[in-house]
Amino acid sequence: MVLGTVLPSALAQTTLTGRIADARTGEPLAGATLVPKSSKEVGTVTNYDGRFRLQTKQQLPLTLIVQFIGYRPQEVDVYDASEEIDIQLIEVPNYLSEVVVTALGISREKKALGYSAQGIDADALSTGKDNNLLNSLEGKLAGVRITNTQGDVGSSRIIIRGETSIAGENQPLFIVDGIPVDNSQLNAQTQGRDPKNAIADLNPEDIENITVLKGPNASALYGSRAAHGAIVITTKTGRGSKGLGITVHSSTQLATAANLPDFQNVFGQGAGGQFSYVNGAGAGINDGVDESWGPRLDIGLLIPQFDSPLDANGNRTATPWVSHPDNVKDYFRTGLTQNTGISIARSADNFQFRLAFNHEYQRSIVEGSSNNKSNVNLNVDYDLTKWLSVGATANYIIYKAPNIPGSAGATGSNYRANSTMLQYLWFGRQVDDASLRDDYSRNWNASYYSNPYWSAYYNTYEQERHRLIGDLHATFHVIKGLDLRFRTSTDWYQDRRKAKVKWGTSGTPYGKYEEDAYTVQENNTELTAVYNRKLSDDLTLDALLGWNVRNKRYENNYQAAPDWLWLTSIR
């Protein structure tokens, strides 16, 4: 048995290792970031000992951009990858003067905060851009770990400062323009599939900046559900656009399957050095075995196989027993992601607006899997009088995935029937992938799997999600330094899923059909009074008093058409 992971990546990589420390004290700097200059690659961060290991597609010589909060950024030229890199950063006490968005949309200077908060702007999101927002943050935030299961087509998980609970969710709360938004995966009945998490609905092109509030002190105003931190997202507005500004963007990304498992090609399918195919389910000699402990390959043997011609009596004839070293690689196609959008923005002394549309199409490297996502984003503010400002935000998303690929880690008969990835970890080394592609009814092993192309195109898991995130808000400027802010917001979406298993599928011979419907909605209405007064050059008074009403609704309707065998068993 050979295990491995299939991920899109490049062909050649350069590996760099080293250590980052304080130039004055020599103490290691944990959480410093390194990113190759003039590259869209994802960087890396140092560990607790200040050490790092970075793999890059760039060839030497190259330049690294090294950053750490409170230290002067540094560019380091690298000419030799065989030696460890020793980097010394210089602390700059006054460097922490940037402004970040904290809880409840309040902007503060980072140096004035009594807790850890790290910001990241839109330019950083465009480096190593991914259609899943979380993946775009990987390697750019100190103390933040992001993992995913199937590269850019599956879900991603974000953890700040490690796991803090063994009893529940450890992911942070997400806030978009002051609106708490849901990041559930809703995977109660997924049949071994891995749908994207809900925060992937957001379009990275609409984001202005992100602030990470680390730990309960930073996110206390959001309550217990932000005990694991909060990700505060601010979307783009029309401010700064003189006249009518139109922005058009378009990008295309290609992906291939690399880092495949290293398979042996000495022995073919079977056990004890013997194999002969009849039906792939045990009628022949070890033809129900999916492991490759069979006869030796490429020595001139003739053995009946799944794609051997039939003789006059309907029996398989003996054909050459040869290896197919690229039979797993040949299954994966070139992935494609196309992202196109347009935005219109304008601002004046008393108003601003921005309207944007974005469409994304993604074709996975896995056969039969693709998805589409369309975003419409509106952000508008208007000063009615000197003492009253009103505004609104709206983000409507339509996400459609005709088929989500199966997960390699799934087990059970139904999961095996739906997972093309699982069987490729056990694939017979003599199996010709082209024969399976030419005729979906052919099958190399009927004990555990269906033809992988049968599974990809007939056993589908469809998902469609419609979502609205928006608010209406108003600010009353009572006196100098005192504002009353009112906001009512909603995060609503309907998620519909359909799972189909075709009649004749291995493990589920009579087929199956399921529908899973979710409705999730959270409404928040809040009123806050914010007072800010500068008492002296070194002392500022900030006060906040607020009231909030939150209502959340969750519905799930699951229906299944059971197979014929299940019906007969209860008669």
Protein backbone atom coordinates (compact mmCIF):
# COMPACT_ATOMS: atom_id res chain seq x y z
CA MET A 1 0.00 0.00 0.00
CA VAL A 2 1.33 3.45 -0.93
CA LEU A 3 -0.03 6.57 0.72
CA GLY A 4 0.40 10.16 -0.39
CA THR A 5 -1.19 13.52 -0.98
CA VAL A 6 -2.06 15.10 -4.31
CA LEU A 7 -1.61 18.87 -4.43
CA PRO A 8 -1.11 21.44 -7.19
CA SER A 9 2.48 22.70 -7.15
CA ALA A 10 5.45 23.55 -9.26
CA LEU A 11 8.07 21.26 -10.81
CA ALA A 12 11.31 22.45 -9.18
CA GLN A 13 11.81 24.04 -5.80
CA THR A 14 14.62 25.67 -3.85
CA THR A 15 14.70 24.99 -0.09
CA LEU A 16 16.09 27.68 2.22
CA THR A 17 16.68 27.29 5.96
CA GLY A 18 17.94 29.65 8.63
CA ARG A 19 17.27 31.69 11.75
CA ILE A 20 15.96 35.18 12.52
CA ALA A 21 16.96 37.00 15.69
CA ASP A 22 17.03 40.42 17.35
CA ALA A 23 20.15 42.28 16.19
CA ARG A 24 20.79 43.74 19.68
CA THR A 25 19.97 40.87 22.03
CA GLY A 26 20.33 37.84 19.77
CA GLU A 27 16.97 36.53 21.00
CA PRO A 28 15.04 34.45 18.40
CA LEU A 29 12.03 36.11 16.78
CA ALA A 30 9.07 33.72 16.59
CA GLY A 31 6.44 34.58 13.99
CA ALA A 32 8.65 36.63 11.64
CA THR A 33 7.53 36.31 8.02
CA LEU A 34 9.61 35.63 4.92
CA VAL A 35 8.32 36.04 1.36
CA PRO A 36 10.31 35.85 -1.91
CA LYS A 37 10.43 39.29 -3.55
CA SER A 38 8.67 39.82 -6.91
CA SER A 39 6.74 36.60 -6.46
CA LYS A 40 3.15 35.59 -5.80
CA GLU A 41 4.25 32.61 -3.74
CA VAL A 42 3.11 31.97 -0.18
CA GLY A 43 5.87 32.67 2.33
CA THR A 44 6.57 31.11 5.70
CA VAL A 45 6.94 32.10 9.37
CA THR A 46 9.60 31.31 11.95
CA ASN A 47 8.96 28.86 14.80
CA TYR A 48 9.50 29.42 18.52
CA ASP A 49 13.27 29.13 18.07
CA GLY A 50 13.27 31.73 15.31
CA ARG A 51 14.08 29.07 12.71
CA PHE A 52 12.45 28.77 9.30
CA ARG A 53 12.25 26.47 6.29
CA LEU A 54 11.07 28.02 3.02
CA GLN A 55 10.43 26.27 -0.28
CA THR A 56 10.27 28.53 -3.33
CA LYS A 57 9.91 28.07 -7.06
CA GLN A 58 12.43 30.85 -7.73
CA GLN A 59 15.98 30.02 -8.71
CA LEU A 60 19.06 31.48 -7.04
CA PRO A 61 20.06 34.22 -6.61
CA LEU A 62 16.88 35.62 -5.06
CA THR A 63 15.76 38.23 -2.55
CA LEU A 64 13.70 37.59 0.58
CA ILE A 65 11.48 40.19 2.24
CA VAL A 66 11.70 39.70 6.02
CA GLN A 67 9.21 41.37 8.38
CA PHE A 68 8.37 41.29 12.07
CA ILE A 69 6.10 43.54 14.11
CA GLY A 70 8.08 46.38 15.72
CA TYR A 71 11.19 45.76 13.58
CA ARG A 72 12.44 47.42 10.43
CA PRO A 73 11.63 45.30 7.34
CA GLN A 74 14.70 43.92 5.62
CA GLU A 75 15.53 42.57 2.16
CA VAL A 76 18.01 39.69 2.20
CA ASP A 77 19.84 38.50 -0.91
CA VAL A 78 20.44 34.74 -1.09
CA TYR A 79 23.09 33.20 -3.38
CA ASP A 80 23.67 29.77 -1.83
CA ALA A 81 20.93 27.43 -0.55
CA SER A 82 23.37 24.96 0.99
CA GLU A 83 24.19 27.23 3.94
CA GLU A 84 21.82 28.36 6.67
CA ILE A 85 20.80 32.01 6.52
CA ASP A 86 21.37 34.14 9.61
CA ILE A 87 19.14 37.23 9.64
CA GLN A 88 19.36 40.03 12.24
CA LEU A 89 16.43 42.46 12.49
CA ILE A 90 16.68 45.90 14.08
CA GLU A 91 13.96 46.93 16.53
CA VAL A 92 12.29 50.29 15.81
CA PRO A 93 10.25 51.43 18.87
CA ASN A 94 8.25 54.01 16.93
CA TYR A 95 7.48 51.68 14.06
CA LEU A 96 4.13 50.58 15.51
CA SER A 97 2.25 53.70 14.38
CA GLU A 98 -0.08 52.09 11.89
CA VAL A 99 -3.85 52.27 12.35
CA VAL A 100 -5.87 49.05 12.57
CA VAL A 101 -9.59 48.31 12.78
CA THR A 102 -10.46 46.77 16.13
CA ALA A 103 -13.70 45.49 17.68
CA LEU A 104 -16.97 47.13 16.58
CA GLY A 105 -15.24 48.84 13.65
CA ILE A 106 -13.27 51.29 15.82
CA SER A 107 -9.94 52.45 14.35
CA ARG A 108 -7.01 52.72 16.75
CA GLU A 109 -3.26 53.15 16.50
CA LYS A 110 -1.62 49.78 17.02
CA LYS A 111 0.82 51.17 19.58
CA ALA A 112 -2.15 52.29 21.74
CA LEU A 113 -3.61 48.81 22.02
CA GLY A 114 -3.21 46.70 25.14
CA TYR A 115 -3.47 43.45 23.20
CA SER A 116 -2.10 41.79 20.07
CA ALA A 117 -3.60 42.84 16.74
CA GLN A 118 -2.01 42.34 13.33
CA GLY A 119 -3.18 43.95 10.10
CA ILE A 120 -2.83 42.90 6.49
CA ASP A 121 -3.79 45.03 3.49
CA ALA A 122 -5.17 44.31 0.02
CA ASP A 123 -1.73 44.24 -1.63
CA ALA A 124 -0.64 41.37 0.61
CA LEU A 125 -3.80 39.43 -0.29
CA SER A 126 -2.92 39.65 -3.98
CA THR A 127 0.38 37.84 -3.30
CA GLY A 128 -0.26 34.13 -3.82
CA LYS A 129 -3.93 34.93 -4.42
CA ASP A 130 -6.33 32.04 -3.89
CA ASN A 131 -10.05 31.76 -4.53
CA ASN A 132 -10.46 30.79 -0.87
CA LEU A 133 -9.77 33.84 1.30
CA LEU A 134 -8.22 31.77 4.11
CA ASN A 135 -5.62 30.23 1.82
CA SER A 136 -4.53 33.75 0.77
CA LEU A 137 -3.60 34.48 4.41
CA GLU A 138 -1.28 31.51 4.76
CA GLY A 139 2.24 32.51 5.78
CA LYS A 140 1.34 36.19 6.23
CA LEU A 141 0.17 36.32 9.86
CA ALA A 142 2.21 35.54 12.97
CA GLY A 143 0.79 32.83 15.21
CA VAL A 144 -1.90 31.88 12.69
CA ARG A 145 -2.08 28.35 11.24
CA ILE A 146 -4.14 27.55 8.15
CA THR A 147 -4.70 24.01 6.89
CA ASN A 148 -6.69 22.62 3.97
CA THR A 149 -7.60 19.16 2.76
CA GLN A 150 -7.80 19.35 -1.02
CA GLY A 151 -5.80 22.40 -2.02
CA ASP A 152 -8.01 25.07 -3.58
CA VAL A 153 -11.20 23.00 -4.05
CA GLY A 154 -11.88 21.96 -0.44
CA SER A 155 -12.35 23.58 2.94
CA SER A 156 -9.73 25.44 4.97
CA ARG A 157 -9.35 25.79 8.72
CA ILE A 158 -7.76 28.70 10.58
CA ILE A 159 -6.45 28.54 14.14
CA ILE A 160 -4.95 31.47 16.07
CA ARG A 161 -2.28 30.69 18.67
CA GLY A 162 -3.02 26.98 18.68
CA GLU A 163 -5.89 24.81 19.83
CA THR A 164 -7.45 26.15 23.05
CA SER A 165 -10.41 23.82 23.52
CA ILE A 166 -10.95 20.07 23.24
CA ALA A 167 -14.73 20.34 23.47
CA GLY A 168 -15.72 22.66 20.64
CA GLU A 169 -14.83 24.90 17.72
CA ASN A 170 -11.39 26.52 17.83
CA GLN A 171 -11.74 28.80 14.82
CA PRO A 172 -12.06 32.59 15.25
CA LEU A 173 -15.14 34.73 14.70
CA PHE A 174 -15.31 36.56 11.36
CA ILE A 175 -16.51 40.17 11.16
CA VAL A 176 -17.14 41.85 7.78
CA ASP A 177 -17.69 45.64 7.91
CA GLY A 178 -18.91 45.25 11.48
CA ILE A 179 -21.21 42.32 10.64
CA PRO A 180 -20.61 38.91 12.31
CA VAL A 181 -20.64 36.31 9.51
CA ASP A 182 -20.94 32.55 9.58
CA ASN A 183 -18.03 30.28 8.66
CA SER A 184 -19.69 26.86 9.03
CA GLN A 185 -18.94 23.96 6.72
CA LEU A 186 -22.30 22.24 7.35
CA ASN A 187 -20.96 18.79 6.58
CA ALA A 188 -23.49 16.58 8.37
CA GLN A 189 -24.23 14.46 5.28
CA THR A 190 -21.38 14.92 2.83
CA GLN A 191 -20.82 11.33 1.61
CA GLY A 192 -17.07 11.68 1.93
CA ARG A 193 -17.00 15.10 0.24
CA ASP A 194 -15.33 18.27 1.48
CA PRO A 195 -17.41 21.40 0.70
CA LYS A 196 -15.75 24.78 1.08
CA ASN A 197 -16.29 26.59 4.36
CA ALA A 198 -18.72 29.52 4.24
CA ILE A 199 -16.13 32.33 4.53
CA ALA A 200 -14.83 31.28 1.10
CA ASP A 201 -17.90 33.07 -0.31
CA LEU A 202 -16.08 36.40 0.08
CA ASN A 203 -14.25 37.84 -2.90
CA PRO A 204 -10.62 38.81 -2.05
CA GLU A 205 -10.81 41.59 -4.67
CA ASP A 206 -13.40 43.41 -2.51
CA ILE A 207 -11.27 43.43 0.64
CA GLU A 208 -9.38 46.54 1.73
CA ASN A 209 -7.67 45.17 4.82
CA ILE A 210 -7.86 42.48 7.49
CA THR A 211 -7.09 42.77 11.19
CA VAL A 212 -6.49 39.70 13.31
CA LEU A 213 -7.50 40.13 16.96
CA LYS A 214 -5.59 37.46 18.84
CA GLY A 215 -7.10 35.97 21.94
CA PRO A 216 -10.01 36.77 24.27
CA ASN A 217 -8.67 40.16 25.40
CA ALA A 218 -8.65 41.51 21.86
CA SER A 219 -12.13 40.30 20.97
CA ALA A 220 -13.90 40.63 24.34
CA LEU A 221 -16.55 42.97 22.94
CA TYR A 222 -17.84 40.16 20.70
CA GLY A 223 -18.50 37.81 23.61
CA SER A 224 -17.70 34.16 24.19
CA ARG A 225 -17.99 33.13 20.54
CA ALA A 226 -14.83 35.18 19.88
CA ALA A 227 -12.87 33.46 22.62
CA HIS A 228 -10.53 32.04 19.97
CA GLY A 229 -9.91 35.45 18.41
CA ALA A 230 -11.56 37.41 15.63
CA ILE A 231 -10.80 38.16 11.99
CA VAL A 232 -12.03 41.70 11.23
CA ILE A 233 -12.46 42.33 7.50
CA THR A 234 -12.98 45.78 5.98
CA THR A 235 -14.17 45.93 2.37
CA LYS A 236 -13.25 48.57 -0.20
CA THR A 237 -15.18 51.82 -0.49
CA GLY A 238 -15.27 54.68 -2.98
CA ARG A 239 -13.31 57.03 -0.74
CA GLY A 240 -10.37 58.62 -2.51
CA SER A 241 -11.93 58.24 -5.98
CA LYS A 242 -12.00 61.67 -7.58
CA GLY A 243 -14.51 61.61 -10.38
CA LEU A 244 -15.87 58.30 -11.62
CA GLY A 245 -13.31 55.53 -11.23
CA ILE A 246 -13.65 52.24 -13.12
CA THR A 247 -11.42 49.28 -12.33
CA VAL A 248 -11.33 46.10 -14.40
CA HIS A 249 -9.35 43.01 -13.47
CA SER A 250 -8.89 39.60 -15.03
CA SER A 251 -6.61 36.73 -14.10
CA THR A 252 -6.04 33.14 -15.14
CA GLN A 253 -4.26 30.48 -13.08
CA LEU A 254 -3.26 26.97 -14.10
CA ALA A 255 -2.70 24.05 -11.73
CA THR A 256 -1.23 20.60 -12.20
CA ALA A 257 -0.92 17.55 -9.98
CA ALA A 258 2.59 17.15 -8.66
CA ASN A 259 4.23 15.46 -5.66
CA LEU A 260 2.37 12.25 -6.47
CA PRO A 261 3.15 9.14 -4.40
CA ASP A 262 6.17 7.09 -5.47
CA PHE A 263 4.65 3.84 -6.75
CA GLN A 264 6.54 0.62 -7.39
CA ASN A 265 6.20 -0.83 -10.89
CA VAL A 266 7.69 -4.29 -10.38
CA PHE A 267 4.58 -6.27 -9.37
CA GLY A 268 1.00 -5.97 -10.58
CA GLN A 269 -2.39 -6.47 -8.96
CA GLY A 270 -3.04 -9.67 -7.01
CA ALA A 271 -1.68 -11.63 -4.06
CA GLY A 272 0.98 -14.27 -3.57
CA GLY A 273 2.33 -13.59 -7.05
CA GLN A 274 -0.91 -14.76 -8.73
CA PHE A 275 -3.71 -12.96 -10.61
CA SER A 276 -6.31 -13.71 -13.28
CA TYR A 277 -9.34 -11.50 -14.00
CA VAL A 278 -12.91 -12.79 -14.33
CA ASN A 279 -15.23 -10.21 -12.74
CA GLY A 280 -13.01 -8.18 -10.39
CA ALA A 281 -14.96 -9.38 -7.35
CA GLY A 282 -13.24 -12.65 -6.52
CA ALA A 283 -14.44 -14.98 -9.30
CA GLY A 284 -10.94 -15.04 -10.79
CA ILE A 285 -7.59 -15.63 -9.15
CA ASN A 286 -7.20 -12.81 -6.61
CA ASP A 287 -9.09 -10.44 -8.91
CA GLY A 288 -10.99 -9.00 -5.93
CA VAL A 289 -7.72 -7.88 -4.33
CA ASP A 290 -6.84 -4.22 -4.87
CA GLU A 291 -3.21 -4.48 -3.73
CA SER A 292 -0.25 -5.07 -6.03
CA TRP A 293 1.30 -8.29 -4.73
CA GLY A 294 0.62 -10.17 -7.96
CA PRO A 295 2.80 -11.52 -10.80
CA ARG A 296 5.97 -9.71 -11.82
CA LEU A 297 5.45 -7.12 -14.55
CA ASP A 298 7.24 -6.63 -17.88
CA ILE A 299 8.71 -10.16 -18.19
CA GLY A 300 6.51 -11.33 -21.07
CA LEU A 301 3.60 -12.87 -19.14
CA LEU A 302 0.14 -13.17 -20.73
CA ILE A 303 -2.71 -12.88 -18.17
CA PRO A 304 -6.50 -12.22 -18.50
CA GLN A 305 -7.21 -8.61 -17.43
CA PHE A 306 -10.26 -6.32 -17.09
CA ASP A 307 -9.82 -4.87 -20.61
CA SER A 308 -8.75 -8.08 -22.35
CA PRO A 309 -10.94 -9.07 -25.36
CA LEU A 310 -13.58 -11.79 -24.89
CA ASP A 311 -13.35 -15.11 -26.70
CA ALA A 312 -16.26 -16.97 -28.32
CA ASN A 313 -17.36 -18.32 -24.91
CA GLY A 314 -17.36 -14.89 -23.27
CA ASN A 315 -14.16 -15.47 -21.31
CA ARG A 316 -11.29 -13.01 -21.05
CA THR A 317 -8.32 -13.81 -23.25
CA ALA A 318 -4.74 -13.49 -21.99
CA THR A 319 -3.00 -10.22 -22.87
CA PRO A 320 0.48 -8.81 -22.06
CA TRP A 321 1.07 -8.19 -18.34
CA VAL A 322 2.89 -4.86 -18.42
CA SER A 323 3.30 -1.88 -16.09
CA HIS A 324 1.73 1.56 -16.57
CA PRO A 325 3.94 3.87 -14.45
CA ASP A 326 1.90 6.99 -15.22
CA ASN A 327 -1.58 5.51 -14.78
CA VAL A 328 -2.32 7.68 -11.71
CA LYS A 329 -0.77 10.81 -13.18
CA ASP A 330 -2.76 10.39 -16.41
CA TYR A 331 -6.05 10.72 -14.52
CA PHE A 332 -5.44 14.29 -13.41
CA ARG A 333 -6.03 17.10 -15.84
CA THR A 334 -4.77 20.69 -15.91
CA GLY A 335 -6.77 22.80 -13.47
CA LEU A 336 -7.97 26.26 -14.47
CA THR A 337 -9.15 29.27 -12.47
CA GLN A 338 -10.47 32.36 -14.23
CA ASN A 339 -11.33 35.48 -12.26
CA THR A 340 -12.91 38.52 -13.92
CA GLY A 341 -14.45 41.58 -12.33
CA ILE A 342 -15.31 45.27 -12.63
CA SER A 343 -15.91 47.97 -10.03
CA ILE A 344 -17.25 51.52 -10.23
CA ALA A 345 -16.41 54.01 -7.49
CA ARG A 346 -16.84 57.70 -6.79
CA SER A 347 -16.60 60.04 -3.84
CA ALA A 348 -17.10 63.70 -2.93
CA ASP A 349 -17.11 65.76 0.23
CA ASN A 350 -20.48 64.38 1.37
CA PHE A 351 -20.77 60.90 -0.18
CA GLN A 352 -18.96 57.81 -1.42
CA PHE A 353 -20.07 54.68 -3.24
CA ARG A 354 -18.57 51.58 -4.76
CA LEU A 355 -20.36 48.94 -6.83
CA ALA A 356 -18.49 45.83 -7.92
CA PHE A 357 -19.20 42.59 -9.77
CA ASN A 358 -16.90 39.58 -9.88
CA HIS A 359 -17.22 36.16 -11.52
CA GLU A 360 -14.97 33.22 -10.84
CA TYR A 361 -14.80 29.88 -12.65
CA GLN A 362 -12.70 27.02 -11.36
CA ARG A 363 -12.03 23.67 -13.00
CA SER A 364 -10.39 21.23 -10.63
CA ILE A 365 -7.50 18.93 -11.53
CA VAL A 366 -9.92 16.11 -10.60
CA GLU A 367 -12.13 14.89 -13.44
CA GLY A 368 -15.76 16.06 -13.40
CA SER A 369 -15.28 18.72 -10.71
CA SER A 370 -15.78 22.47 -11.21
CA ASN A 371 -17.47 25.44 -9.55
CA ASN A 372 -18.67 28.99 -10.27
CA LYS A 373 -19.01 31.96 -7.95
CA SER A 374 -20.52 35.40 -8.61
CA ASN A 375 -20.29 38.34 -6.20
CA VAL A 376 -22.11 41.67 -6.28
CA ASN A 377 -20.82 44.16 -3.70
CA LEU A 378 -22.26 47.59 -2.79
CA ASN A 379 -20.86 50.08 -0.30
CA VAL A 380 -22.39 53.57 0.03
CA ASP A 381 -22.32 56.40 2.60
CA TYR A 382 -23.98 59.84 2.49
CA ASP A 383 -23.79 62.83 4.82
CA LEU A 384 -27.35 64.11 5.00
CA THR A 385 -26.44 66.96 7.34
CA LYS A 386 -23.50 68.00 9.48
CA TRP A 387 -24.89 65.92 12.32
CA LEU A 388 -26.25 62.86 10.46
CA SER A 389 -24.58 60.32 8.16
CA VAL A 390 -26.29 57.25 6.70
CA GLY A 391 -25.06 54.30 4.68
CA ALA A 392 -25.50 50.71 3.59
CA THR A 393 -23.47 47.69 2.54
CA ALA A 394 -24.61 44.64 0.61
CA ASN A 395 -22.76 41.58 -0.66
CA TYR A 396 -24.76 39.00 -2.61
CA ILE A 397 -23.06 35.74 -3.54
CA ILE A 398 -24.15 32.84 -5.73
CA TYR A 399 -21.95 29.77 -5.50
CA LYS A 400 -22.56 26.67 -7.64
CA ALA A 401 -20.55 23.45 -7.66
CA PRO A 402 -21.99 20.76 -9.98
CA ASN A 403 -19.74 18.16 -8.36
CA ILE A 404 -17.42 18.26 -5.35
CA PRO A 405 -14.67 15.61 -5.55
CA GLY A 406 -14.52 12.81 -3.02
CA SER A 407 -12.06 12.85 -0.14
CA ALA A 408 -9.20 10.33 -0.06
CA GLY A 409 -9.61 9.88 3.67
CA ALA A 410 -13.24 8.68 3.49
CA THR A 411 -14.13 5.10 4.40
CA GLY A 412 -17.20 2.90 4.12
CA SER A 413 -18.97 1.46 1.05
CA ASN A 414 -20.75 4.66 0.03
CA TYR A 415 -17.63 6.75 0.52
CA ARG A 416 -15.51 4.32 -1.50
CA ALA A 417 -18.08 4.49 -4.30
CA ASN A 418 -17.81 8.27 -4.42
CA SER A 419 -14.09 8.72 -3.93
CA THR A 420 -11.83 8.61 -6.95
CA MET A 421 -8.87 9.73 -4.86
CA LEU A 422 -9.05 6.81 -2.44
CA GLN A 423 -8.71 4.09 -5.06
CA TYR A 424 -5.71 5.72 -6.71
CA LEU A 425 -3.74 5.11 -3.54
CA TRP A 426 -4.36 1.36 -4.13
CA PHE A 427 -4.37 1.37 -7.94
CA GLY A 428 -3.15 -1.80 -9.68
CA ARG A 429 0.16 -1.05 -11.34
CA GLN A 430 -0.83 -2.90 -14.53
CA VAL A 431 -4.10 -0.95 -14.97
CA ASP A 432 -4.30 1.16 -18.15
CA ASP A 433 -6.07 4.43 -17.24
CA ALA A 434 -6.92 5.04 -20.90
CA SER A 435 -9.04 1.85 -20.98
CA LEU A 436 -11.07 3.09 -18.00
CA ARG A 437 -11.51 6.50 -19.65
CA ASP A 438 -12.70 4.96 -22.94
CA ASP A 439 -15.49 2.91 -21.31
CA TYR A 440 -16.93 3.91 -17.92
CA SER A 441 -18.57 0.47 -17.51
CA ARG A 442 -15.17 -1.22 -17.38
CA ASN A 443 -13.80 -1.77 -13.92
CA TRP A 444 -10.42 -3.00 -12.74
CA ASN A 445 -11.72 -3.98 -9.26
CA ALA A 446 -15.38 -4.47 -8.36
CA SER A 447 -14.83 -5.47 -4.73
CA TYR A 448 -14.17 -1.95 -3.50
CA TYR A 449 -14.40 0.61 -6.31
CA SER A 450 -16.19 1.70 -9.42
CA ASN A 451 -14.42 2.90 -12.53
CA PRO A 452 -12.93 6.27 -11.40
CA TYR A 453 -14.52 8.06 -14.37
CA TRP A 454 -17.87 6.45 -13.53
CA SER A 455 -17.52 7.85 -9.99
CA ALA A 456 -16.43 11.27 -11.24
CA TYR A 457 -19.28 11.79 -13.71
CA TYR A 458 -22.14 9.63 -12.37
CA ASN A 459 -21.73 9.71 -8.57
CA THR A 460 -21.96 13.44 -8.02
CA TYR A 461 -22.33 15.75 -5.03
CA GLU A 462 -23.85 19.07 -6.08
CA GLN A 463 -23.90 22.25 -4.00
CA GLU A 464 -25.60 25.61 -4.58
CA ARG A 465 -25.51 28.49 -2.10
CA HIS A 466 -27.20 31.90 -2.23
CA ARG A 467 -26.03 34.39 0.38
CA LEU A 468 -26.65 37.99 1.45
CA ILE A 469 -24.42 39.91 3.86
CA GLY A 470 -25.46 43.51 4.45
CA ASP A 471 -26.45 46.30 6.79
CA LEU A 472 -28.05 49.72 7.18
CA HIS A 473 -26.22 52.14 9.45
CA ALA A 474 -26.41 55.72 10.66
CA THR A 475 -24.14 57.96 12.73
CA PHE A 476 -25.38 60.91 14.78
CA HIS A 477 -22.68 63.47 15.54
CA VAL A 478 -24.07 64.75 18.85
CA ILE A 479 -21.21 66.99 19.95
CA LYS A 480 -17.53 67.20 19.15
CA GLY A 481 -16.01 63.86 20.06
CA LEU A 482 -19.33 62.11 20.78
CA ASP A 483 -21.04 59.91 18.15
CA LEU A 484 -24.12 57.72 18.39
CA ARG A 485 -23.99 54.81 15.94
CA PHE A 486 -26.93 52.65 14.89
CA ARG A 487 -26.63 49.49 12.78
CA THR A 488 -28.96 46.68 11.78
CA SER A 489 -27.37 43.84 9.82
CA THR A 490 -28.02 40.37 8.47
CA ASP A 491 -26.03 37.37 7.30
CA TRP A 492 -28.41 34.99 5.50
CA TYR A 493 -27.82 32.07 3.20
CA GLN A 494 -29.51 28.99 1.79
CA ASP A 495 -27.32 25.99 1.01
CA ARG A 496 -28.75 23.18 -1.12
CA ARG A 497 -26.93 19.89 -1.74
CA LYS A 498 -27.79 16.86 -3.86
CA ALA A 499 -25.93 13.54 -3.72
CA LYS A 500 -26.40 10.96 -6.49
CA VAL A 501 -25.07 7.40 -6.67
CA LYS A 502 -25.82 5.71 -9.99
CA TRP A 503 -27.45 2.28 -10.29
CA GLY A 504 -24.68 -0.30 -10.75
CA THR A 505 -22.13 1.44 -8.55
CA SER A 506 -19.77 -0.83 -6.62
CA GLY A 507 -20.82 -0.93 -2.96
CA THR A 508 -24.21 0.65 -3.74
CA PRO A 509 -25.47 -1.47 -6.67
CA TYR A 510 -29.02 -0.10 -6.55
CA GLY A 511 -27.99 3.53 -6.38
CA LYS A 512 -29.00 6.26 -3.97
CA TYR A 513 -30.26 9.85 -3.94
CA GLU A 514 -30.07 12.42 -1.11
CA GLU A 515 -30.94 16.07 -0.63
CA ASP A 516 -29.62 18.25 2.18
CA ALA A 517 -31.01 21.78 2.64
CA TYR A 518 -29.69 24.37 5.10
CA THR A 519 -30.92 27.84 5.97
CA VAL A 520 -28.72 29.96 8.25
CA GLN A 521 -29.51 33.53 9.30
CA GLU A 522 -28.13 35.88 11.91
CA ASN A 523 -29.55 39.36 12.54
CA ASN A 524 -27.85 41.95 14.72
CA THR A 525 -29.18 45.34 15.80
CA GLU A 526 -26.93 47.55 17.87
CA LEU A 527 -26.63 51.06 19.23
CA THR A 528 -23.28 52.39 20.48
CA ALA A 529 -22.09 55.67 21.93
CA VAL A 530 -18.44 56.45 21.23
CA TYR A 531 -16.61 59.30 22.93
CA ASN A 532 -13.08 60.37 22.05
CA ARG A 533 -11.22 63.33 23.52
CA LYS A 534 -7.56 64.24 23.47
CA LEU A 535 -6.64 65.36 26.98
CA SER A 536 -2.98 66.14 26.20
CA ASP A 537 -0.28 65.31 23.71
CA ASP A 538 0.32 62.00 25.47
CA LEU A 539 -3.12 61.18 26.86
CA THR A 540 -6.39 60.37 25.05
CA LEU A 541 -9.73 59.38 26.56
CA ASP A 542 -11.78 56.72 24.74
CA ALA A 543 -15.17 55.58 26.03
CA LEU A 544 -17.67 53.12 24.56
CA LEU A 545 -21.20 52.22 25.66
CA GLY A 546 -23.29 49.80 23.60
CA TRP A 547 -26.49 47.76 23.30
CA ASN A 548 -27.02 44.75 21.02
CA VAL A 549 -29.82 42.35 20.11
CA ARG A 550 -28.78 39.17 18.28
CA ASN A 551 -31.04 36.57 16.70
CA LYS A 552 -29.79 33.44 14.94
CA ARG A 553 -31.80 30.82 13.04
CA TYR A 554 -30.56 27.45 11.77
CA GLU A 555 -32.62 24.96 9.76
CA ASN A 556 -31.67 21.65 8.20
CA ASN A 557 -33.87 19.38 6.09
CA TYR A 558 -32.30 16.07 5.07
CA GLN A 559 -34.09 13.59 2.80
CA ALA A 560 -32.86 10.38 1.21
CA ALA A 561 -34.22 7.85 -1.27
CA PRO A 562 -32.79 4.60 0.16
CA ASP A 563 -31.63 1.79 -2.07
CA TRP A 564 -33.75 -1.26 -2.91
CA LEU A 565 -31.84 -3.60 -0.58
CA TRP A 566 -32.64 -1.40 2.42
CA LEU A 567 -36.35 -1.49 1.58
CA THR A 568 -36.44 -5.27 1.30
CA SER A 569 -34.61 -5.68 4.61
CA ILE A 570 -37.41 -3.98 6.60
CA ARG A 571 -40.33 -5.84 5.02
